[in-house]
Amino acid sequence: MISEMDKARHAEERGAILKALQSDYARKMSSVTMLARVLFMAGQSITPGALQFHLSLLADSGYVRIWRAEEVPGFRPDRGTEARGDLIMFARLAPRGLQLIDGQIPSDPGVSF
């Protein structure tokens, strides 16, 4: 079972992800690698696995749109790269995520700002 402290930390991480994507909202999509750097510079050290998990959860909630490697034009699994097809490569804040940040929709206990 996850502790209340861990729940709060995860909610803060998800909020930081949404805020970071908000600053890049004018772009079509943001690189997850760049997102990780921005989060690190903002004091959020999120492991790559945790970032992938949070992005998947935020996408399932309708707050972000994600693109996996296999959805990116030119991806070929036979090239011998380390990128797996299911790896999230790009993300973008969805309108619902912006509404959550702006308080236009009810708050989500899984996301904290």
N, C-alpha and C. Protein backbone atom coordinates (compact mmCIF):
# COMPACT_ATOMS: atom_id res chain seq x y z
N MET A 1 0.84 -1.18 0.00
CA MET A 1 0.00 0.00 0.00
C MET A 1 0.88 1.24 0.00
N ILE A 2 0.48 2.23 -0.74
CA ILE A 2 1.26 3.46 -0.87
C ILE A 2 0.94 4.41 0.29
N SER A 3 1.98 5.02 0.84
CA SER A 3 1.79 5.92 1.97
C SER A 3 1.21 7.26 1.52
N GLU A 4 0.65 7.99 2.47
CA GLU A 4 0.10 9.32 2.17
C GLU A 4 1.20 10.25 1.69
N MET A 5 2.39 10.08 2.22
CA MET A 5 3.52 10.91 1.82
C MET A 5 3.89 10.64 0.35
N ASP A 6 3.89 9.38 -0.03
CA ASP A 6 4.18 9.03 -1.43
C ASP A 6 3.08 9.53 -2.35
N LYS A 7 1.81 9.44 -1.92
CA LYS A 7 0.70 9.94 -2.73
C LYS A 7 0.87 11.43 -2.98
N ALA A 8 1.23 12.17 -1.94
CA ALA A 8 1.41 13.62 -2.07
C ALA A 8 2.58 13.93 -3.00
N ARG A 9 3.67 13.17 -2.87
CA ARG A 9 4.84 13.39 -3.74
C ARG A 9 4.49 13.12 -5.19
N HIS A 10 3.78 12.04 -5.45
CA HIS A 10 3.39 11.71 -6.83
C HIS A 10 2.46 12.78 -7.41
N ALA A 11 1.53 13.27 -6.59
CA ALA A 11 0.62 14.32 -7.04
C ALA A 11 1.40 15.59 -7.39
N GLU A 12 2.41 15.93 -6.60
CA GLU A 12 3.24 17.10 -6.87
C GLU A 12 4.04 16.90 -8.16
N GLU A 13 4.55 15.68 -8.36
CA GLU A 13 5.30 15.40 -9.59
C GLU A 13 4.39 15.56 -10.82
N ARG A 14 3.18 15.06 -10.73
CA ARG A 14 2.25 15.20 -11.86
C ARG A 14 1.89 16.66 -12.11
N GLY A 15 1.72 17.43 -11.04
CA GLY A 15 1.46 18.85 -11.19
C GLY A 15 2.64 19.57 -11.85
N ALA A 16 3.85 19.19 -11.46
CA ALA A 16 5.05 19.80 -12.06
C ALA A 16 5.15 19.46 -13.54
N ILE A 17 4.78 18.24 -13.91
CA ILE A 17 4.80 17.84 -15.33
C ILE A 17 3.82 18.69 -16.12
N LEU A 18 2.61 18.86 -15.61
CA LEU A 18 1.61 19.67 -16.31
C LEU A 18 2.08 21.11 -16.44
N LYS A 19 2.64 21.67 -15.37
CA LYS A 19 3.12 23.05 -15.42
C LYS A 19 4.26 23.21 -16.43
N ALA A 20 5.16 22.23 -16.48
CA ALA A 20 6.27 22.29 -17.44
C ALA A 20 5.72 22.23 -18.87
N LEU A 21 4.75 21.38 -19.11
CA LEU A 21 4.16 21.29 -20.44
C LEU A 21 3.36 22.56 -20.78
N GLN A 22 2.82 23.21 -19.77
CA GLN A 22 2.08 24.46 -20.00
C GLN A 22 3.01 25.52 -20.60
N SER A 23 4.24 25.57 -20.13
CA SER A 23 5.17 26.58 -20.63
C SER A 23 5.54 26.33 -22.09
N ASP A 24 5.28 25.13 -22.58
CA ASP A 24 5.60 24.76 -23.96
C ASP A 24 4.32 24.53 -24.78
N TYR A 25 3.20 25.10 -24.33
CA TYR A 25 1.89 24.81 -24.91
C TYR A 25 1.77 25.23 -26.38
N ALA A 26 2.49 26.24 -26.78
CA ALA A 26 2.39 26.73 -28.16
C ALA A 26 3.00 25.76 -29.17
N ARG A 27 3.82 24.85 -28.71
CA ARG A 27 4.45 23.88 -29.61
C ARG A 27 3.52 22.70 -29.86
N LYS A 28 3.74 22.03 -30.97
CA LYS A 28 2.93 20.87 -31.32
C LYS A 28 3.14 19.73 -30.33
N MET A 29 4.38 19.54 -29.90
CA MET A 29 4.71 18.51 -28.93
C MET A 29 6.05 18.83 -28.30
N SER A 30 6.30 18.25 -27.13
CA SER A 30 7.55 18.45 -26.41
C SER A 30 8.25 17.12 -26.24
N SER A 31 9.54 17.13 -26.39
CA SER A 31 10.35 15.93 -26.19
C SER A 31 10.33 15.54 -24.71
N VAL A 32 10.16 14.28 -24.42
CA VAL A 32 10.17 13.81 -23.04
C VAL A 32 11.56 13.99 -22.43
N THR A 33 12.60 13.88 -23.24
CA THR A 33 13.96 14.12 -22.75
C THR A 33 14.10 15.56 -22.28
N MET A 34 13.60 16.50 -23.08
CA MET A 34 13.65 17.91 -22.69
C MET A 34 12.77 18.16 -21.47
N LEU A 35 11.62 17.52 -21.41
CA LEU A 35 10.73 17.66 -20.26
C LEU A 35 11.45 17.22 -18.99
N ALA A 36 12.17 16.11 -19.06
CA ALA A 36 12.91 15.62 -17.89
C ALA A 36 13.96 16.64 -17.44
N ARG A 37 14.62 17.28 -18.40
CA ARG A 37 15.63 18.31 -18.06
C ARG A 37 14.98 19.52 -17.40
N VAL A 38 13.86 19.97 -17.95
CA VAL A 38 13.15 21.11 -17.39
C VAL A 38 12.70 20.80 -15.96
N LEU A 39 12.17 19.61 -15.74
CA LEU A 39 11.74 19.21 -14.41
C LEU A 39 12.92 19.17 -13.45
N PHE A 40 14.05 18.64 -13.90
CA PHE A 40 15.24 18.56 -13.06
C PHE A 40 15.71 19.97 -12.67
N MET A 41 15.73 20.89 -13.64
CA MET A 41 16.15 22.26 -13.36
C MET A 41 15.18 22.96 -12.41
N ALA A 42 13.93 22.51 -12.39
CA ALA A 42 12.93 23.08 -11.49
C ALA A 42 12.93 22.39 -10.12
N GLY A 43 13.87 21.47 -9.91
CA GLY A 43 13.98 20.80 -8.62
C GLY A 43 13.19 19.51 -8.49
N GLN A 44 12.65 19.02 -9.59
CA GLN A 44 11.88 17.77 -9.59
C GLN A 44 12.73 16.69 -10.24
N SER A 45 13.36 15.87 -9.45
CA SER A 45 14.17 14.78 -9.98
C SER A 45 13.29 13.53 -10.08
N ILE A 46 12.74 13.32 -11.26
CA ILE A 46 11.82 12.20 -11.51
C ILE A 46 12.56 11.17 -12.36
N THR A 47 12.56 9.93 -11.93
CA THR A 47 13.24 8.89 -12.70
C THR A 47 12.56 8.71 -14.06
N PRO A 48 13.30 8.23 -15.06
CA PRO A 48 12.67 8.01 -16.37
C PRO A 48 11.46 7.09 -16.30
N GLY A 49 11.54 6.04 -15.49
CA GLY A 49 10.41 5.13 -15.35
C GLY A 49 9.20 5.81 -14.72
N ALA A 50 9.44 6.63 -13.70
CA ALA A 50 8.34 7.35 -13.05
C ALA A 50 7.74 8.38 -14.01
N LEU A 51 8.58 9.03 -14.81
CA LEU A 51 8.08 10.00 -15.77
C LEU A 51 7.18 9.32 -16.80
N GLN A 52 7.59 8.16 -17.28
CA GLN A 52 6.78 7.40 -18.22
C GLN A 52 5.44 7.02 -17.58
N PHE A 53 5.48 6.57 -16.33
CA PHE A 53 4.26 6.18 -15.61
C PHE A 53 3.33 7.38 -15.46
N HIS A 54 3.87 8.51 -14.97
CA HIS A 54 3.05 9.71 -14.75
C HIS A 54 2.45 10.21 -16.06
N LEU A 55 3.23 10.21 -17.14
CA LEU A 55 2.71 10.67 -18.43
C LEU A 55 1.58 9.75 -18.91
N SER A 56 1.74 8.46 -18.73
CA SER A 56 0.67 7.52 -19.12
C SER A 56 -0.60 7.79 -18.32
N LEU A 57 -0.45 7.98 -17.02
CA LEU A 57 -1.60 8.24 -16.16
C LEU A 57 -2.26 9.57 -16.54
N LEU A 58 -1.46 10.61 -16.77
CA LEU A 58 -2.00 11.91 -17.15
C LEU A 58 -2.70 11.83 -18.51
N ALA A 59 -2.18 11.01 -19.41
CA ALA A 59 -2.82 10.82 -20.72
C ALA A 59 -4.15 10.09 -20.55
N ASP A 60 -4.17 9.06 -19.70
CA ASP A 60 -5.41 8.32 -19.45
C ASP A 60 -6.48 9.22 -18.82
N SER A 61 -6.05 10.25 -18.10
CA SER A 61 -6.98 11.18 -17.47
C SER A 61 -7.39 12.31 -18.41
N GLY A 62 -6.79 12.35 -19.59
CA GLY A 62 -7.14 13.37 -20.57
C GLY A 62 -6.40 14.68 -20.40
N TYR A 63 -5.38 14.70 -19.54
CA TYR A 63 -4.65 15.94 -19.27
C TYR A 63 -3.51 16.19 -20.26
N VAL A 64 -2.96 15.14 -20.82
CA VAL A 64 -1.89 15.28 -21.81
C VAL A 64 -2.13 14.34 -22.98
N ARG A 65 -1.47 14.65 -24.07
CA ARG A 65 -1.46 13.76 -25.25
C ARG A 65 -0.03 13.25 -25.34
N ILE A 66 0.13 11.96 -25.57
CA ILE A 66 1.48 11.38 -25.67
C ILE A 66 1.65 10.70 -27.03
N TRP A 67 2.90 10.63 -27.46
CA TRP A 67 3.28 9.91 -28.66
C TRP A 67 4.35 8.91 -28.27
N ARG A 68 4.09 7.66 -28.55
CA ARG A 68 5.08 6.60 -28.27
C ARG A 68 6.01 6.46 -29.48
N ALA A 69 7.16 5.87 -29.27
CA ALA A 69 8.16 5.74 -30.33
C ALA A 69 7.58 5.09 -31.58
N GLU A 70 6.75 4.08 -31.39
CA GLU A 70 6.18 3.37 -32.54
C GLU A 70 5.20 4.23 -33.34
N GLU A 71 4.75 5.35 -32.78
CA GLU A 71 3.83 6.24 -33.46
C GLU A 71 4.54 7.39 -34.19
N VAL A 72 5.84 7.49 -33.98
CA VAL A 72 6.62 8.57 -34.59
C VAL A 72 7.08 8.11 -35.98
N PRO A 73 6.85 8.95 -37.00
CA PRO A 73 7.28 8.56 -38.35
C PRO A 73 8.77 8.23 -38.38
N GLY A 74 9.08 7.16 -39.05
CA GLY A 74 10.48 6.75 -39.18
C GLY A 74 10.95 5.75 -38.14
N PHE A 75 10.10 5.45 -37.15
CA PHE A 75 10.50 4.47 -36.14
C PHE A 75 10.58 3.10 -36.78
N ARG A 76 11.71 2.45 -36.56
CA ARG A 76 11.88 1.08 -37.06
C ARG A 76 12.53 0.25 -35.97
N PRO A 77 11.82 -0.76 -35.47
CA PRO A 77 12.37 -1.57 -34.39
C PRO A 77 13.58 -2.39 -34.82
N ASP A 78 13.79 -2.55 -36.12
CA ASP A 78 14.91 -3.36 -36.60
C ASP A 78 16.22 -2.57 -36.70
N ARG A 79 16.20 -1.31 -36.32
CA ARG A 79 17.41 -0.49 -36.41
C ARG A 79 18.39 -0.74 -35.27
N GLY A 80 17.98 -1.50 -34.29
CA GLY A 80 18.88 -1.82 -33.20
C GLY A 80 19.04 -0.71 -32.19
N THR A 81 18.13 0.25 -32.20
CA THR A 81 18.20 1.31 -31.21
C THR A 81 17.67 0.80 -29.88
N GLU A 82 17.97 1.54 -28.83
CA GLU A 82 17.49 1.15 -27.51
C GLU A 82 16.04 1.53 -27.28
N ALA A 83 15.51 2.39 -28.14
CA ALA A 83 14.13 2.85 -27.96
C ALA A 83 13.14 1.73 -28.24
N ARG A 84 12.33 1.43 -27.25
CA ARG A 84 11.26 0.45 -27.44
C ARG A 84 10.08 1.16 -28.07
N GLY A 85 9.26 0.43 -28.77
CA GLY A 85 8.10 1.00 -29.41
C GLY A 85 7.10 1.62 -28.45
N ASP A 86 7.03 1.07 -27.22
CA ASP A 86 6.05 1.58 -26.27
C ASP A 86 6.58 2.75 -25.43
N LEU A 87 7.81 3.16 -25.66
CA LEU A 87 8.42 4.25 -24.91
C LEU A 87 7.82 5.59 -25.34
N ILE A 88 7.39 6.39 -24.37
CA ILE A 88 6.81 7.70 -24.68
C ILE A 88 7.95 8.65 -25.06
N MET A 89 7.85 9.21 -26.26
CA MET A 89 8.90 10.08 -26.78
C MET A 89 8.52 11.56 -26.71
N PHE A 90 7.24 11.86 -26.89
CA PHE A 90 6.76 13.23 -26.93
C PHE A 90 5.47 13.36 -26.13
N ALA A 91 5.23 14.57 -25.63
CA ALA A 91 4.01 14.85 -24.88
C ALA A 91 3.57 16.28 -25.16
N ARG A 92 2.30 16.52 -24.92
CA ARG A 92 1.74 17.87 -25.08
C ARG A 92 0.59 18.02 -24.10
N LEU A 93 0.51 19.18 -23.48
CA LEU A 93 -0.59 19.47 -22.58
C LEU A 93 -1.89 19.52 -23.38
N ALA A 94 -2.90 18.81 -22.93
CA ALA A 94 -4.21 18.82 -23.58
C ALA A 94 -5.04 19.97 -23.00
N PRO A 95 -6.06 20.40 -23.73
CA PRO A 95 -6.91 21.48 -23.19
C PRO A 95 -7.45 21.17 -21.79
N ARG A 96 -7.80 19.91 -21.54
CA ARG A 96 -8.30 19.53 -20.21
C ARG A 96 -7.23 19.74 -19.14
N GLY A 97 -5.97 19.49 -19.48
CA GLY A 97 -4.87 19.74 -18.54
C GLY A 97 -4.73 21.22 -18.24
N LEU A 98 -4.87 22.04 -19.25
CA LEU A 98 -4.81 23.50 -19.06
C LEU A 98 -5.98 23.97 -18.20
N GLN A 99 -7.15 23.38 -18.41
CA GLN A 99 -8.31 23.73 -17.59
C GLN A 99 -8.08 23.33 -16.13
N LEU A 100 -7.42 22.20 -15.90
CA LEU A 100 -7.12 21.77 -14.54
C LEU A 100 -6.17 22.77 -13.87
N ILE A 101 -5.14 23.17 -14.59
CA ILE A 101 -4.18 24.14 -14.06
C ILE A 101 -4.88 25.45 -13.72
N ASP A 102 -5.75 25.90 -14.62
CA ASP A 102 -6.44 27.18 -14.45
C ASP A 102 -7.61 27.13 -13.48
N GLY A 103 -7.94 25.94 -12.96
CA GLY A 103 -9.03 25.80 -12.02
C GLY A 103 -10.41 25.88 -12.65
N GLN A 104 -10.49 25.64 -13.95
CA GLN A 104 -11.76 25.69 -14.66
C GLN A 104 -12.55 24.39 -14.56
N ILE A 105 -11.89 23.33 -14.11
CA ILE A 105 -12.57 22.05 -13.86
C ILE A 105 -12.24 21.65 -12.43
N PRO A 106 -13.02 20.74 -11.84
CA PRO A 106 -12.75 20.34 -10.46
C PRO A 106 -11.32 19.80 -10.27
N SER A 107 -10.77 20.06 -9.11
CA SER A 107 -9.41 19.59 -8.82
C SER A 107 -9.37 18.06 -8.84
N ASP A 108 -8.17 17.55 -9.03
CA ASP A 108 -7.93 16.11 -9.10
C ASP A 108 -7.01 15.76 -7.93
N PRO A 109 -7.41 14.84 -7.05
CA PRO A 109 -6.54 14.51 -5.91
C PRO A 109 -5.22 13.88 -6.32
N GLY A 110 -5.12 13.41 -7.56
CA GLY A 110 -3.88 12.81 -8.05
C GLY A 110 -2.91 13.81 -8.64
N VAL A 111 -3.30 15.10 -8.66
CA VAL A 111 -2.47 16.16 -9.24
C VAL A 111 -2.48 17.34 -8.28
N SER A 112 -1.31 17.81 -7.92
CA SER A 112 -1.20 18.93 -6.98
C SER A 112 -0.30 20.01 -7.56
N PHE A 113 -0.71 21.27 -7.39
CA PHE A 113 0.08 22.41 -7.89
C PHE A 113 0.62 23.22 -6.73
